[in-house]
Protein backbone atom coordinates (compact mmCIF):
# COMPACT_ATOMS: atom_id res chain seq x y z
CA UNK A 1 207.99 163.09 9.21
CA UNK A 2 208.18 159.32 8.77
CA UNK A 3 207.02 157.16 5.88
CA UNK A 4 204.14 156.05 8.09
CA UNK A 5 203.13 159.67 8.70
CA UNK A 6 203.08 160.40 4.97
CA UNK A 7 201.08 157.24 4.25
CA UNK A 8 198.49 158.31 6.83
CA UNK A 9 198.36 161.80 5.32
CA UNK A 10 197.89 160.26 1.86
CA UNK A 11 194.96 158.16 3.06
CA UNK A 12 193.44 161.18 4.81
CA UNK A 13 193.74 163.23 1.61
CA UNK A 14 191.92 160.55 -0.35
CA UNK A 15 189.11 160.23 2.18
CA UNK A 16 188.60 163.90 3.12
CA UNK A 17 189.58 165.79 -0.04
CA UNK A 18 189.12 163.46 -3.00
CA UNK A 19 186.30 161.02 -2.28
CA UNK A 20 184.13 163.89 -1.06
CA UNK A 21 184.67 165.64 -4.41
CA UNK A 22 183.72 162.90 -6.89
CA UNK A 23 187.09 161.14 -7.05
CA UNK A 24 185.97 157.54 -6.58
CA UNK A 25 187.41 155.75 -9.60
CA UNK A 26 189.08 152.60 -8.30
CA UNK A 27 192.12 152.73 -10.58
CA UNK A 28 192.75 156.43 -9.90
CA UNK A 29 192.43 156.00 -6.13
CA UNK A 30 194.76 153.00 -6.21
CA UNK A 31 197.39 155.04 -8.07
CA UNK A 32 197.06 158.04 -5.74
CA UNK A 33 197.51 155.80 -2.70
CA UNK A 34 200.54 154.11 -4.29
CA UNK A 35 202.47 157.22 -5.39
CA UNK A 36 204.14 159.23 -2.59
CA UNK A 37 203.32 162.85 -3.41
CA UNK A 38 205.89 164.04 -0.86
CA UNK A 39 208.63 162.65 -3.12
CA UNK A 40 207.71 165.23 -5.78
CA UNK A 41 207.89 168.41 -3.69
CA UNK A 42 210.94 170.22 -2.27
CA UNK A 43 212.14 168.61 0.95
CA UNK A 44 211.37 171.72 2.99
CA UNK A 45 207.74 171.63 1.80
CA UNK A 46 207.02 167.93 2.25
CA UNK A 47 204.84 168.54 5.30
CA UNK A 48 202.48 170.45 2.97
CA UNK A 49 202.42 167.77 0.25
CA UNK A 50 198.87 166.66 1.03
CA UNK A 51 197.09 169.95 1.64
CA UNK A 52 194.57 170.88 -1.03
CA UNK A 53 196.46 173.74 -2.59
CA UNK A 54 199.32 174.28 -4.99
CA UNK A 55 202.81 173.57 -3.63
CA UNK A 56 205.46 176.11 -4.73
CA UNK A 57 208.36 174.70 -6.71
CA UNK A 58 211.25 176.53 -8.39
CA UNK A 59 211.16 179.13 -11.16
CA UNK A 60 207.80 180.55 -10.15
CA UNK A 61 206.07 177.24 -10.86
CA UNK A 62 203.94 175.15 -8.53
CA UNK A 63 202.64 171.58 -8.28
CA UNK A 64 198.96 171.45 -9.16
CA UNK A 65 196.61 170.96 -6.18
CA UNK A 66 195.88 167.24 -5.63
CA UNK A 67 192.14 167.62 -6.22
CA UNK A 68 192.62 169.22 -9.66
CA UNK A 69 195.05 166.52 -10.75
CA UNK A 70 192.82 163.76 -9.38
CA UNK A 71 189.67 165.07 -11.08
CA UNK A 72 191.54 165.25 -14.40
CA UNK A 73 192.91 161.75 -13.83
CA UNK A 74 189.39 160.36 -13.44
CA UNK A 75 188.05 162.29 -16.44
CA UNK A 76 190.92 161.08 -18.65
CA UNK A 77 189.59 157.50 -18.42
CA UNK A 78 193.07 156.01 -18.51
CA UNK A 79 193.42 152.28 -19.10
CA UNK A 80 196.63 150.21 -19.28
CA UNK A 81 198.43 150.67 -22.58
CA UNK A 82 197.04 154.12 -23.34
CA UNK A 83 199.61 156.55 -24.72
CA UNK A 84 199.44 159.83 -22.83
CA UNK A 85 200.97 163.19 -23.68
CA UNK A 86 201.39 165.01 -20.36
CA UNK A 87 201.94 168.77 -20.55
CA UNK A 88 203.36 170.47 -17.47
CA UNK A 89 205.30 167.59 -15.96
CA UNK A 90 206.76 169.83 -13.22
CA UNK A 91 208.52 167.42 -10.83
CA UNK A 92 206.81 164.34 -12.26
CA UNK A 93 203.88 163.64 -9.90
CA UNK A 94 201.13 163.42 -12.53
CA UNK A 95 203.40 161.37 -14.79
CA UNK A 96 203.99 158.92 -11.96
CA UNK A 97 200.23 158.58 -11.37
CA UNK A 98 199.56 157.95 -15.06
CA UNK A 99 202.37 155.41 -15.24
CA UNK A 100 201.03 153.69 -12.12
CA UNK A 101 197.73 153.29 -13.99
CA UNK A 102 199.55 151.53 -16.81
CA UNK A 103 199.81 154.37 -19.32
CA UNK A 104 202.77 154.95 -21.63
CA UNK A 105 203.64 158.51 -20.67
CA UNK A 106 205.47 161.18 -22.62
CA UNK A 107 205.87 164.14 -20.26
CA UNK A 108 206.81 167.64 -21.45
CA UNK A 109 208.41 170.26 -19.18
CA UNK A 110 209.82 173.64 -20.19
CA UNK A 111 211.74 174.45 -16.99
CA UNK A 112 215.18 172.84 -17.07
CA UNK A 113 215.48 172.44 -13.31
CA UNK A 114 212.02 170.89 -12.98
CA UNK A 115 212.68 168.62 -15.94
CA UNK A 116 215.87 167.35 -14.32
CA UNK A 117 214.04 166.71 -11.05
CA UNK A 118 211.24 164.88 -12.86
CA UNK A 119 213.67 162.74 -14.82
CA UNK A 120 215.42 161.65 -11.64
CA UNK A 121 212.15 160.99 -9.80
CA UNK A 122 210.52 159.08 -12.65
CA UNK A 123 213.42 156.97 -13.90
CA UNK A 124 212.18 154.78 -16.73
CA UNK A 125 208.48 155.13 -15.83
CA UNK A 126 208.00 157.93 -18.39
CA UNK A 127 209.72 159.60 -21.32
CA UNK A 128 210.68 163.15 -20.32
CA UNK A 129 210.86 165.80 -23.05
CA UNK A 130 212.34 169.20 -22.18
CA UNK A 131 210.91 171.97 -24.33
CA UNK A 132 208.06 174.49 -24.73
CA UNK A 133 204.86 173.17 -23.20
CA UNK A 134 202.76 174.48 -26.07
CA UNK A 135 204.79 172.45 -28.58
CA UNK A 136 204.03 169.08 -27.04
CA UNK A 137 205.97 166.08 -28.33
CA UNK A 138 204.85 165.50 -31.93
CA UNK A 139 207.44 162.81 -32.57
CA UNK A 140 205.42 160.39 -30.45
CA UNK A 141 201.99 161.32 -31.77
CA UNK A 142 199.21 160.47 -32.14
CA UNK A 143 198.39 159.98 -28.47
CA UNK A 144 195.29 158.44 -26.92
CA UNK A 145 195.11 161.13 -24.23
CA UNK A 146 196.31 164.70 -23.84
CA UNK A 147 196.65 165.46 -20.13
CA UNK A 148 197.49 169.06 -19.18
CA UNK A 149 198.27 169.22 -15.46
CA UNK A 150 197.36 172.88 -15.03
CA UNK A 151 195.37 175.74 -16.52
CA UNK A 152 195.65 177.41 -19.91
CA UNK A 153 194.01 180.45 -21.43
CA UNK A 154 194.27 179.01 -24.93
CA UNK A 155 194.57 175.38 -25.99
CA UNK A 156 196.53 175.45 -29.26
CA UNK A 157 195.94 173.18 -32.23
CA UNK A 158 199.59 172.19 -32.02
CA UNK A 159 198.53 170.07 -29.03
CA UNK A 160 195.06 168.89 -30.04
CA UNK A 161 196.48 167.80 -33.41
CA UNK A 162 198.68 165.36 -31.49
CA UNK A 163 195.63 163.42 -30.24
CA UNK A 164 194.32 160.55 -32.35
CA UNK A 165 190.75 160.86 -33.66
CA UNK A 166 188.52 159.66 -30.83
CA UNK A 167 191.22 160.50 -28.28
CA UNK A 168 190.55 162.58 -25.18
CA UNK A 169 192.00 165.76 -23.69
CA UNK A 170 191.70 166.95 -20.10
CA UNK A 171 192.90 170.32 -18.83
CA UNK A 172 191.88 173.40 -16.87
CA UNK A 173 190.80 176.57 -18.64
CA UNK A 174 191.27 180.09 -17.32
CA UNK A 175 187.88 181.80 -17.62
CA UNK A 176 187.74 185.38 -16.34
CA UNK A 177 189.99 184.60 -13.40
CA UNK A 178 188.33 181.24 -12.60
CA UNK A 179 189.97 177.93 -13.50
CA UNK A 180 187.50 175.37 -14.84
CA UNK A 181 188.35 171.71 -15.38
CA UNK A 182 187.48 170.61 -18.92
CA UNK A 183 187.43 167.49 -21.04
CA UNK A 184 186.85 166.87 -24.71
CA UNK A 185 187.24 164.43 -27.56
CA UNK A 186 189.00 164.94 -30.86
CA UNK A 187 186.76 164.11 -33.81
CA UNK A 188 187.41 164.06 -37.54
CA UNK A 189 186.01 167.59 -37.66
CA UNK A 190 188.15 169.06 -34.91
CA UNK A 191 188.22 169.34 -31.13
CA UNK A 192 185.67 170.58 -28.62
CA UNK A 193 185.64 170.58 -24.83
CA UNK A 194 183.20 171.23 -21.99
CA UNK A 195 183.82 172.32 -18.42
CA UNK A 196 182.81 169.82 -15.75
CA UNK A 197 183.96 171.50 -12.51
CA UNK A 198 185.55 174.64 -11.09
CA UNK A 199 188.77 173.90 -9.25
CA UNK A 200 191.91 175.76 -8.23
CA UNK A 201 194.64 174.96 -10.76
CA UNK A 202 198.09 176.33 -11.42
CA UNK A 203 198.36 178.45 -14.57
CA UNK A 204 200.99 177.11 -16.96
CA UNK A 205 203.33 179.34 -18.98
CA UNK A 206 203.10 179.53 -22.74
CA UNK A 207 199.33 179.49 -23.18
CA UNK A 208 198.28 183.12 -22.89
CA UNK A 209 195.45 184.09 -25.23
CA UNK A 210 196.03 187.00 -27.64
CA UNK A 211 194.49 190.30 -26.56
CA UNK A 212 190.83 190.30 -27.52
CA UNK A 213 190.65 186.49 -27.87
CA UNK A 214 187.46 184.78 -26.66
CA UNK A 215 187.70 181.06 -25.82
């Protein structure tokens, strides 16, 4: 595979997978075309970097499908200068997209090997924090945007409390075996979110709901 091949695959992904599924935001598309997704997957899986499904990584984790990440990217309404708390950095792809859009990114990853890969891939484009995903990075709060690149059963207050009042959160929610993309705004009275699309998303560790819990 050459750089030209990957660039063609990236353009094809945008036209056939993303634009046909409501990903038409100019800034998001520009970032997706600029960031080489193949650089964030294991070398032996680079040929599959642009298919619309999760790409297996190490430690039982996987890179979120490109459509799920792109839909969340649009819904996040990122503008240059926004501070973003990214949960589930994996190898750094979503962090690179957010940084390309001008955000100040703090990316959290719990898997040591993935965190090391992300740190190498991102360089100084984002601040990488290794630790439990559900803990976030409170030292840098409050953030303008909480971006969870994957699906959770339960979104804990430990994360929503790290968003400034009026700030946004985007994530996928596990709902009876279906992953639904959601967005919400933190208000003075708390946080609420609504689903806006069903989409395949990787389930992140650390967010299992207690037995008997109803979202």
